PDB file of N, CA and C in Angstrom:
ATOM      1  N   UNK A   1      58.666 -20.588  82.711  1.00  0.00           N
ATOM      2  CA  UNK A   1      59.549 -19.459  82.898  1.00  0.00           C
ATOM      3  C   UNK A   1      60.821 -19.975  83.574  1.00  0.00           C
ATOM      4  N   UNK A   2      61.939 -19.467  83.126  1.00  0.00           N
ATOM      5  CA  UNK A   2      63.233 -19.881  83.651  1.00  0.00           C
ATOM      6  C   UNK A   2      63.959 -18.680  84.254  1.00  0.00           C
ATOM      7  N   UNK A   3      64.653 -18.940  85.355  1.00  0.00           N
ATOM      8  CA  UNK A   3      65.455 -17.908  85.998  1.00  0.00           C
ATOM      9  C   UNK A   3      66.909 -18.104  85.579  1.00  0.00           C
ATOM     10  N   UNK A   4      67.489 -17.061  85.011  1.00  0.00           N
ATOM     11  CA  UNK A   4      68.869 -17.080  84.553  1.00  0.00           C
ATOM     12  C   UNK A   4      69.633 -16.006  85.309  1.00  0.00           C
ATOM     13  N   UNK A   5      70.840 -16.326  85.742  1.00  0.00           N
ATOM     14  CA  UNK A   5      71.653 -15.339  86.453  1.00  0.00           C
ATOM     15  C   UNK A   5      72.931 -15.044  85.672  1.00  0.00           C
ATOM     16  N   UNK A   6      73.312 -13.784  85.710  1.00  0.00           N
ATOM     17  CA  UNK A   6      74.558 -13.328  85.100  1.00  0.00           C
ATOM     18  C   UNK A   6      75.252 -12.386  86.058  1.00  0.00           C
ATOM     19  N   UNK A   7      76.540 -12.275  85.896  1.00  0.00           N
ATOM     20  CA  UNK A   7      77.321 -11.266  86.609  1.00  0.00           C
ATOM     21  C   UNK A   7      77.911 -10.340  85.559  1.00  0.00           C
ATOM     22  N   UNK A   8      77.722  -9.048  85.782  1.00  0.00           N
ATOM     23  CA  UNK A   8      78.374  -8.046  84.952  1.00  0.00           C
ATOM     24  C   UNK A   8      79.585  -7.540  85.713  1.00  0.00           C
ATOM     25  N   UNK A   9      80.702  -7.430  85.033  1.00  0.00           N
ATOM     26  CA  UNK A   9      81.926  -6.909  85.622  1.00  0.00           C
ATOM     27  C   UNK A   9      82.187  -5.556  84.965  1.00  0.00           C
ATOM     28  N   UNK A  10      82.435  -4.541  85.781  1.00  0.00           N
ATOM     29  CA  UNK A  10      82.641  -3.197  85.252  1.00  0.00           C
ATOM     30  C   UNK A  10      83.928  -2.579  85.743  1.00  0.00           C
ATOM     31  N   UNK A  11      84.111  -1.329  85.360  1.00  0.00           N
ATOM     32  CA  UNK A  11      85.293  -0.605  85.806  1.00  0.00           C
ATOM     33  C   UNK A  11      84.872   0.759  86.304  1.00  0.00           C
ATOM     34  N   UNK A  12      85.748   1.388  87.048  1.00  0.00           N
ATOM     35  CA  UNK A  12      85.460   2.708  87.605  1.00  0.00           C
ATOM     36  C   UNK A  12      85.147   3.693  86.486  1.00  0.00           C
ATOM     37  N   UNK A  13      84.283   4.633  86.796  1.00  0.00           N
ATOM     38  CA  UNK A  13      83.964   5.670  85.837  1.00  0.00           C
ATOM     39  C   UNK A  13      82.793   5.339  84.936  1.00  0.00           C
ATOM     40  N   UNK A  14      82.324   4.100  84.977  1.00  0.00           N
ATOM     41  CA  UNK A  14      81.170   3.742  84.149  1.00  0.00           C
ATOM     42  C   UNK A  14      79.890   3.937  84.953  1.00  0.00           C
ATOM     43  N   UNK A  15      78.755   3.761  84.300  1.00  0.00           N
ATOM     44  CA  UNK A  15      77.481   3.772  85.009  1.00  0.00           C
ATOM     45  C   UNK A  15      77.548   2.657  86.040  1.00  0.00           C
ATOM     46  N   UNK A  16      77.281   2.983  87.305  1.00  0.00           N
ATOM     47  CA  UNK A  16      77.461   1.973  88.351  1.00  0.00           C
ATOM     48  C   UNK A  16      76.194   1.655  89.138  1.00  0.00           C
ATOM     49  N   UNK A  17      75.164   2.474  89.046  1.00  0.00           N
ATOM     50  CA  UNK A  17      73.941   2.187  89.779  1.00  0.00           C
ATOM     51  C   UNK A  17      73.257   0.980  89.128  1.00  0.00           C
ATOM     52  N   UNK A  18      73.007  -0.074  89.903  1.00  0.00           N
ATOM     53  CA  UNK A  18      72.419  -1.284  89.321  1.00  0.00           C
ATOM     54  C   UNK A  18      71.108  -1.027  88.575  1.00  0.00           C
ATOM     55  N   UNK A  19      70.273  -0.143  89.108  1.00  0.00           N
ATOM     56  CA  UNK A  19      68.998   0.136  88.442  1.00  0.00           C
ATOM     57  C   UNK A  19      69.212   0.826  87.102  1.00  0.00           C
ATOM     58  N   UNK A  20      70.187   1.721  87.023  1.00  0.00           N
ATOM     59  CA  UNK A  20      70.490   2.381  85.745  1.00  0.00           C
ATOM     60  C   UNK A  20      71.036   1.380  84.740  1.00  0.00           C
ATOM     61  N   UNK A  21      71.904   0.496  85.198  1.00  0.00           N
ATOM     62  CA  UNK A  21      72.453  -0.534  84.304  1.00  0.00           C
ATOM     63  C   UNK A  21      71.329  -1.433  83.805  1.00  0.00           C
ATOM     64  N   UNK A  22      70.455  -1.850  84.702  1.00  0.00           N
ATOM     65  CA  UNK A  22      69.305  -2.686  84.316  1.00  0.00           C
ATOM     66  C   UNK A  22      68.451  -1.970  83.261  1.00  0.00           C
ATOM     67  N   UNK A  23      68.158  -0.689  83.496  1.00  0.00           N
ATOM     68  CA  UNK A  23      67.328   0.061  82.558  1.00  0.00           C
ATOM     69  C   UNK A  23      67.996   0.201  81.192  1.00  0.00           C
ATOM     70  N   UNK A  24      69.300   0.433  81.187  1.00  0.00           N
ATOM     71  CA  UNK A  24      70.028   0.542  79.916  1.00  0.00           C
ATOM     72  C   UNK A  24      70.037  -0.793  79.168  1.00  0.00           C
ATOM     73  N   UNK A  25      70.197  -1.880  79.905  1.00  0.00           N
ATOM     74  CA  UNK A  25      70.151  -3.204  79.272  1.00  0.00           C
ATOM     75  C   UNK A  25      68.773  -3.483  78.686  1.00  0.00           C
ATOM     76  N   UNK A  26      67.752  -3.340  79.502  1.00  0.00           N
ATOM     77  CA  UNK A  26      66.413  -3.733  79.067  1.00  0.00           C
ATOM     78  C   UNK A  26      65.886  -2.853  77.939  1.00  0.00           C
ATOM     79  N   UNK A  27      66.403  -1.646  77.806  1.00  0.00           N
ATOM     80  CA  UNK A  27      65.996  -0.783  76.692  1.00  0.00           C
ATOM     81  C   UNK A  27      66.370  -1.402  75.349  1.00  0.00           C
ATOM     82  N   UNK A  28      67.328  -2.313  75.356  1.00  0.00           N
ATOM     83  CA  UNK A  28      67.789  -2.941  74.119  1.00  0.00           C
ATOM     84  C   UNK A  28      67.280  -4.367  73.945  1.00  0.00           C
ATOM     85  N   UNK A  29      66.470  -4.852  74.885  1.00  0.00           N
ATOM     86  CA  UNK A  29      65.869  -6.170  74.736  1.00  0.00           C
ATOM     87  C   UNK A  29      64.691  -6.068  73.775  1.00  0.00           C
ATOM     88  N   UNK A  30      64.463  -7.126  73.012  1.00  0.00           N
ATOM     89  CA  UNK A  30      63.354  -7.184  72.070  1.00  0.00           C
ATOM     90  C   UNK A  30      62.286  -8.145  72.599  1.00  0.00           C
ATOM     91  N   UNK A  31      61.030  -7.948  72.214  1.00  0.00           N
ATOM     92  CA  UNK A  31      59.987  -8.884  72.654  1.00  0.00           C
ATOM     93  C   UNK A  31      60.331 -10.340  72.324  1.00  0.00           C
ATOM     94  N   UNK A  32      60.989 -10.566  71.213  1.00  0.00           N
ATOM     95  CA  UNK A  32      61.353 -11.933  70.821  1.00  0.00           C
ATOM     96  C   UNK A  32      62.345 -12.580  71.779  1.00  0.00           C
ATOM     97  N   UNK A  33      63.022 -11.773  72.612  1.00  0.00           N
ATOM     98  CA  UNK A  33      63.961 -12.317  73.591  1.00  0.00           C
ATOM     99  C   UNK A  33      63.232 -13.082  74.694  1.00  0.00           C
ATOM    100  N   UNK A  34      61.957 -12.776  74.903  1.00  0.00           N
ATOM    101  CA  UNK A  34      61.167 -13.486  75.908  1.00  0.00           C
ATOM    102  C   UNK A  34      61.554 -13.173  77.343  1.00  0.00           C
ATOM    103  N   UNK A  35      62.242 -12.083  77.566  1.00  0.00           N
ATOM    104  CA  UNK A  35      62.654 -11.727  78.927  1.00  0.00           C
ATOM    105  C   UNK A  35      61.528 -10.931  79.577  1.00  0.00           C
ATOM    106  N   UNK A  36      60.985 -11.500  80.648  1.00  0.00           N
ATOM    107  CA  UNK A  36      59.820 -10.919  81.304  1.00  0.00           C
ATOM    108  C   UNK A  36      60.173  -9.952  82.430  1.00  0.00           C
ATOM    109  N   UNK A  37      61.260 -10.206  83.116  1.00  0.00           N
ATOM    110  CA  UNK A  37      61.606  -9.390  84.288  1.00  0.00           C
ATOM    111  C   UNK A  37      63.111  -9.481  84.521  1.00  0.00           C
ATOM    112  N   UNK A  38      63.697  -8.367  84.984  1.00  0.00           N
ATOM    113  CA  UNK A  38      65.134  -8.327  85.282  1.00  0.00           C
ATOM    114  C   UNK A  38      65.329  -7.591  86.600  1.00  0.00           C
ATOM    115  N   UNK A  39      66.163  -8.168  87.465  1.00  0.00           N
ATOM    116  CA  UNK A  39      66.593  -7.450  88.660  1.00  0.00           C
ATOM    117  C   UNK A  39      68.109  -7.300  88.596  1.00  0.00           C
ATOM    118  N   UNK A  40      68.593  -6.235  89.220  1.00  0.00           N
ATOM    119  CA  UNK A  40      70.033  -5.971  89.265  1.00  0.00           C
ATOM    120  C   UNK A  40      70.386  -5.496  90.663  1.00  0.00           C
ATOM    121  N   UNK A  41      71.408  -6.110  91.254  1.00  0.00           N
ATOM    122  CA  UNK A  41      71.849  -5.735  92.592  1.00  0.00           C
ATOM    123  C   UNK A  41      73.368  -5.674  92.638  1.00  0.00           C
ATOM    124  N   UNK A  42      73.867  -4.868  93.563  1.00  0.00           N
ATOM    125  CA  UNK A  42      75.322  -4.762  93.762  1.00  0.00           C
ATOM    126  C   UNK A  42      75.584  -4.225  95.153  1.00  0.00           C
ATOM    127  N   UNK A  43      76.721  -4.589  95.704  1.00  0.00           N
ATOM    128  CA  UNK A  43      77.159  -4.001  96.955  1.00  0.00           C
ATOM    129  C   UNK A  43      77.768  -2.645  96.645  1.00  0.00           C
ATOM    130  N   UNK A  44      77.603  -1.660  97.541  1.00  0.00           N
ATOM    131  CA  UNK A  44      78.179  -0.338  97.288  1.00  0.00           C
ATOM    132  C   UNK A  44      79.681  -0.422  97.009  1.00  0.00           C
ATOM    133  N   UNK A  45      80.113   0.273  95.975  1.00  0.00           N
ATOM    134  CA  UNK A  45      81.530   0.312  95.630  1.00  0.00           C
ATOM    135  C   UNK A  45      82.028  -0.920  94.908  1.00  0.00           C
ATOM    136  N   UNK A  46      81.140  -1.877  94.657  1.00  0.00           N
ATOM    137  CA  UNK A  46      81.544  -3.109  93.989  1.00  0.00           C
ATOM    138  C   UNK A  46      81.635  -2.876  92.485  1.00  0.00           C
ATOM    139  N   UNK A  47      82.500  -3.604  91.825  1.00  0.00           N
ATOM    140  CA  UNK A  47      82.614  -3.492  90.367  1.00  0.00           C
ATOM    141  C   UNK A  47      81.889  -4.643  89.678  1.00  0.00           C
ATOM    142  N   UNK A  48      80.919  -5.218  90.387  1.00  0.00           N
ATOM    143  CA  UNK A  48      80.147  -6.339  89.861  1.00  0.00           C
ATOM    144  C   UNK A  48      78.664  -6.080  90.122  1.00  0.00           C
ATOM    145  N   UNK A  49      77.846  -6.379  89.125  1.00  0.00           N
ATOM    146  CA  UNK A  49      76.397  -6.303  89.280  1.00  0.00           C
ATOM    147  C   UNK A  49      75.840  -7.690  89.007  1.00  0.00           C
ATOM    148  N   UNK A  50      75.020  -8.160  89.922  1.00  0.00           N
ATOM    149  CA  UNK A  50      74.365  -9.457  89.767  1.00  0.00           C
ATOM    150  C   UNK A  50      73.009  -9.235  89.092  1.00  0.00           C
ATOM    151  N   UNK A  51      72.794  -9.911  87.978  1.00  0.00           N
ATOM    152  CA  UNK A  51      71.541  -9.827  87.239  1.00  0.00           C
ATOM    153  C   UNK A  51      70.761 -11.127  87.390  1.00  0.00           C
ATOM    154  N   UNK A  52      69.457 -10.995  87.520  1.00  0.00           N
ATOM    155  CA  UNK A  52      68.560 -12.135  87.487  1.00  0.00           C
ATOM    156  C   UNK A  52      67.520 -11.824  86.416  1.00  0.00           C
ATOM    157  N   UNK A  53      67.425 -12.697  85.429  1.00  0.00           N
ATOM    158  CA  UNK A  53      66.487 -12.525  84.325  1.00  0.00           C
ATOM    159  C   UNK A  53      65.487 -13.667  84.349  1.00  0.00           C
ATOM    160  N   UNK A  54      64.221 -13.340  84.168  1.00  0.00           N
ATOM    161  CA  UNK A  54      63.177 -14.353  84.072  1.00  0.00           C
ATOM    162  C   UNK A  54      62.749 -14.412  82.610  1.00  0.00           C
ATOM    163  N   UNK A  55      62.928 -15.581  82.031  1.00  0.00           N
ATOM    164  CA  UNK A  55      62.781 -15.737  80.595  1.00  0.00           C
ATOM    165  C   UNK A  55      61.751 -16.804  80.239  1.00  0.00           C
ATOM    166  N   UNK A  56      60.928 -16.480  79.250  1.00  0.00           N
ATOM    167  CA  UNK A  56      60.008 -17.458  78.678  1.00  0.00           C
ATOM    168  C   UNK A  56      60.747 -18.176  77.564  1.00  0.00           C
ATOM    169  N   UNK A  57      60.816 -19.468  77.646  1.00  0.00           N
ATOM    170  CA  UNK A  57      61.498 -20.265  76.630  1.00  0.00           C
ATOM    171  C   UNK A  57      61.006 -21.697  76.739  1.00  0.00           C
ATOM    172  N   UNK A  58      61.333 -22.491  75.728  1.00  0.00           N
ATOM    173  CA  UNK A  58      60.929 -23.895  75.737  1.00  0.00           C
ATOM    174  C   UNK A  58      61.829 -24.765  76.601  1.00  0.00           C
ATOM    175  N   UNK A  59      63.049 -24.280  76.877  1.00  0.00           N
ATOM    176  CA  UNK A  59      63.979 -25.044  77.707  1.00  0.00           C
ATOM    177  C   UNK A  59      64.913 -24.084  78.431  1.00  0.00           C
ATOM    178  N   UNK A  60      65.575 -24.591  79.451  1.00  0.00           N
ATOM    179  CA  UNK A  60      66.525 -23.766  80.181  1.00  0.00           C
ATOM    180  C   UNK A  60      67.694 -23.372  79.281  1.00  0.00           C
ATOM    181  N   UNK A  61      68.130 -24.288  78.435  1.00  0.00           N
ATOM    182  CA  UNK A  61      69.239 -23.989  77.523  1.00  0.00           C
ATOM    183  C   UNK A  61      68.871 -22.856  76.575  1.00  0.00           C
ATOM    184  N   UNK A  62      67.663 -22.907  76.031  1.00  0.00           N
ATOM    185  CA  UNK A  62      67.209 -21.836  75.141  1.00  0.00           C
ATOM    186  C   UNK A  62      67.115 -20.509  75.895  1.00  0.00           C
ATOM    187  N   UNK A  63      66.594 -20.552  77.125  1.00  0.00           N
ATOM    188  CA  UNK A  63      66.491 -19.336  77.939  1.00  0.00           C
ATOM    189  C   UNK A  63      67.872 -18.733  78.184  1.00  0.00           C
ATOM    190  N   UNK A  64      68.842 -19.583  78.493  1.00  0.00           N
ATOM    191  CA  UNK A  64      70.208 -19.131  78.751  1.00  0.00           C
ATOM    192  C   UNK A  64      70.811 -18.478  77.508  1.00  0.00           C
ATOM    193  N   UNK A  65      70.711 -19.163  76.378  1.00  0.00           N
ATOM    194  CA  UNK A  65      71.300 -18.641  75.148  1.00  0.00           C
ATOM    195  C   UNK A  65      70.646 -17.336  74.710  1.00  0.00           C
ATOM    196  N   UNK A  66      69.334 -17.281  74.794  1.00  0.00           N
ATOM    197  CA  UNK A  66      68.621 -16.080  74.378  1.00  0.00           C
ATOM    198  C   UNK A  66      68.917 -14.907  75.313  1.00  0.00           C
ATOM    199  N   UNK A  67      68.912 -15.160  76.619  1.00  0.00           N
ATOM    200  CA  UNK A  67      69.196 -14.088  77.584  1.00  0.00           C
ATOM    201  C   UNK A  67      70.632 -13.590  77.433  1.00  0.00           C
ATOM    202  N   UNK A  68      71.558 -14.504  77.224  1.00  0.00           N
ATOM    203  CA  UNK A  68      72.962 -14.105  77.040  1.00  0.00           C
ATOM    204  C   UNK A  68      73.114 -13.258  75.777  1.00  0.00           C
ATOM    205  N   UNK A  69      72.491 -13.686  74.692  1.00  0.00           N
ATOM    206  CA  UNK A  69      72.562 -12.928  73.440  1.00  0.00           C
ATOM    207  C   UNK A  69      71.941 -11.542  73.610  1.00  0.00           C
ATOM    208  N   UNK A  70      70.825 -11.459  74.319  1.00  0.00           N
ATOM    209  CA  UNK A  70      70.168 -10.163  74.542  1.00  0.00           C
ATOM    210  C   UNK A  70      71.066  -9.237  75.366  1.00  0.00           C
ATOM    211  N   UNK A  71      71.710  -9.774  76.388  1.00  0.00           N
ATOM    212  CA  UNK A  71      72.614  -8.962  77.216  1.00  0.00           C
ATOM    213  C   UNK A  71      73.822  -8.496  76.410  1.00  0.00           C
ATOM    214  N   UNK A  72      74.413  -9.392  75.633  1.00  0.00           N
ATOM    215  CA  UNK A  72      75.574  -9.013  74.818  1.00  0.00           C
ATOM    216  C   UNK A  72      75.199  -7.952  73.793  1.00  0.00           C
ATOM    217  N   UNK A  73      74.032  -8.106  73.184  1.00  0.00           N
ATOM    218  CA  UNK A  73      73.554  -7.112  72.216  1.00  0.00           C
ATOM    219  C   UNK A  73      73.379  -5.750  72.894  1.00  0.00           C
ATOM    220  N   UNK A  74      72.781  -5.745  74.082  1.00  0.00           N
ATOM    221  CA  UNK A  74      72.569  -4.490  74.815  1.00  0.00           C
ATOM    222  C   UNK A  74      73.897  -3.846  75.202  1.00  0.00           C
ATOM    223  N   UNK A  75      74.858  -4.657  75.638  1.00  0.00           N
ATOM    224  CA  UNK A  75      76.168  -4.120  76.011  1.00  0.00           C
ATOM    225  C   UNK A  75      76.864  -3.488  74.808  1.00  0.00           C
ATOM    226  N   UNK A  76      76.669  -4.064  73.628  1.00  0.00           N
ATOM    227  CA  UNK A  76      77.265  -3.508  72.408  1.00  0.00           C
ATOM    228  C   UNK A  76      76.597  -2.205  71.980  1.00  0.00           C
ATOM    229  N   UNK A  77      75.297  -2.108  72.196  1.00  0.00           N
ATOM    230  CA  UNK A  77      74.526  -0.978  71.671  1.00  0.00           C
ATOM    231  C   UNK A  77      74.446   0.217  72.610  1.00  0.00           C
ATOM    232  N   UNK A  78      74.623   0.011  73.892  1.00  0.00           N
ATOM    233  CA  UNK A  78      74.496   1.109  74.862  1.00  0.00           C
ATOM    234  C   UNK A  78      75.874   1.686  75.163  1.00  0.00           C
ATOM    235  N   UNK A  79      76.202   2.856  74.626  1.00  0.00           N
ATOM    236  CA  UNK A  79      77.531   3.432  74.856  1.00  0.00           C
ATOM    237  C   UNK A  79      77.836   3.643  76.335  1.00  0.00           C
ATOM    238  N   UNK A  80      76.794   3.861  77.144  1.00  0.00           N
ATOM    239  CA  UNK A  80      76.994   4.084  78.583  1.00  0.00           C
ATOM    240  C   UNK A  80      77.513   2.837  79.286  1.00  0.00           C
ATOM    241  N   UNK A  81      77.360   1.687  78.646  1.00  0.00           N
ATOM    242  CA  UNK A  81      77.771   0.423  79.264  1.00  0.00           C
ATOM    243  C   UNK A  81      79.072  -0.119  78.688  1.00  0.00           C
ATOM    244  N   UNK A  82      79.827   0.731  78.032  1.00  0.00           N
ATOM    245  CA  UNK A  82      81.046   0.285  77.356  1.00  0.00           C
ATOM    246  C   UNK A  82      82.047  -0.378  78.314  1.00  0.00           C
ATOM    247  N   UNK A  83      82.024   0.017  79.576  1.00  0.00           N
ATOM    248  CA  UNK A  83      82.988  -0.529  80.537  1.00  0.00           C
ATOM    249  C   UNK A  83      82.507  -1.829  81.190  1.00  0.00           C
ATOM    250  N   UNK A  84      81.333  -2.309  80.816  1.00  0.00           N
ATOM    251  CA  UNK A  84      80.788  -3.524  81.413  1.00  0.00           C
ATOM    252  C   UNK A  84      80.902  -4.706  80.460  1.00  0.00           C
ATOM    253  N   UNK A  85      81.067  -5.898  81.056  1.00  0.00           N
ATOM    254  CA  UNK A  85      81.106  -7.131  80.272  1.00  0.00           C
ATOM    255  C   UNK A  85      80.475  -8.241  81.108  1.00  0.00           C
ATOM    256  N   UNK A  86      79.985  -9.258  80.423  1.00  0.00           N
ATOM    257  CA  UNK A  86      79.437 -10.425  81.117  1.00  0.00           C
ATOM    258  C   UNK A  86      80.572 -11.279  81.643  1.00  0.00           C
ATOM    259  N   UNK A  87      80.427 -11.734  82.871  1.00  0.00           N
ATOM    260  CA  UNK A  87      81.377 -12.681  83.436  1.00  0.00           C
ATOM    261  C   UNK A  87      81.182 -14.020  82.741  1.00  0.00           C
ATOM    262  N   UNK A  88      82.205 -14.819  82.694  1.00  0.00           N
ATOM    263  CA  UNK A  88      82.099 -16.144  82.088  1.00  0.00           C
ATOM    264  C   UNK A  88      81.281 -17.107  82.934  1.00  0.00           C
ATOM    265  N   UNK A  89      80.939 -16.713  84.147  1.00  0.00           N
ATOM    266  CA  UNK A  89      80.221 -17.596  85.055  1.00  0.00           C
ATOM    267  C   UNK A  89      78.715 -17.565  84.912  1.00  0.00           C
ATOM    268  N   UNK A  90      78.185 -17.064  83.796  1.00  0.00           N
ATOM    269  CA  UNK A  90      76.740 -16.988  83.613  1.00  0.00           C
ATOM    270  C   UNK A  90      76.143 -18.390  83.620  1.00  0.00           C
ATOM    271  N   UNK A  91      75.026 -18.525  84.315  1.00  0.00           N
ATOM    272  CA  UNK A  91      74.424 -19.855  84.420  1.00  0.00           C
ATOM    273  C   UNK A  91      72.938 -19.769  84.682  1.00  0.00           C
ATOM    274  N   UNK A  92      72.254 -20.850  84.394  1.00  0.00           N
ATOM    275  CA  UNK A  92      70.854 -20.986  84.771  1.00  0.00           C
ATOM    276  C   UNK A  92      70.805 -21.504  86.194  1.00  0.00           C
ATOM    277  N   UNK A  93      69.680 -21.285  86.834  1.00  0.00           N
ATOM    278  CA  UNK A  93      69.538 -21.713  88.214  1.00  0.00           C
ATOM    279  C   UNK A  93      68.441 -22.739  88.386  1.00  0.00           C
ATOM    280  N   UNK A  94      68.650 -23.891  87.791  1.00  0.00           N
ATOM    281  CA  UNK A  94      67.720 -24.981  88.017  1.00  0.00           C
ATOM    282  C   UNK A  94      66.505 -24.932  87.121  1.00  0.00           C
ATOM    283  N   UNK A  95      65.640 -25.876  87.297  1.00  0.00           N
ATOM    284  CA  UNK A  95      64.494 -25.977  86.409  1.00  0.00           C
ATOM    285  C   UNK A  95      63.547 -24.817  86.591  1.00  0.00           C
ATOM    286  N   UNK A  96      62.973 -24.377  85.499  1.00  0.00           N
ATOM    287  CA  UNK A  96      61.984 -23.304  85.559  1.00  0.00           C
ATOM    288  C   UNK A  96      60.605 -23.899  85.716  1.00  0.00           C
ATOM    289  N   UNK A  97      59.659 -23.035  85.929  1.00  0.00           N
ATOM    290  CA  UNK A  97      58.267 -23.483  85.981  1.00  0.00           C
ATOM    291  C   UNK A  97      57.582 -22.956  84.751  1.00  0.00           C
ATOM    292  N   UNK A  98      56.691 -23.723  84.228  1.00  0.00           N
ATOM    293  CA  UNK A  98      56.024 -23.319  82.986  1.00  0.00           C
ATOM    294  C   UNK A  98      54.587 -23.009  83.249  1.00  0.00           C
TER     295      UNK A  98
END
């Protein structure tokens, strides 16, 4: 399992509760994405949500690519998330455990 982190950047007027954003994202994840768990946190009034995804994959690179694709797909499909985008700083956080 690999831990992947992303930052979502949003704008005022969009869904801002991290748990709601997480739920909207995960509703669009598919079993083939291999994402086992997602957490979302933000400071009050912040326009950024920090995501941590735990992904089953054969490598960290595969976990990163699959998780990024799943997030982008969810952002495209969930109209409530139209004001959110992935930051370019998405990265994996070291070796996963299998």
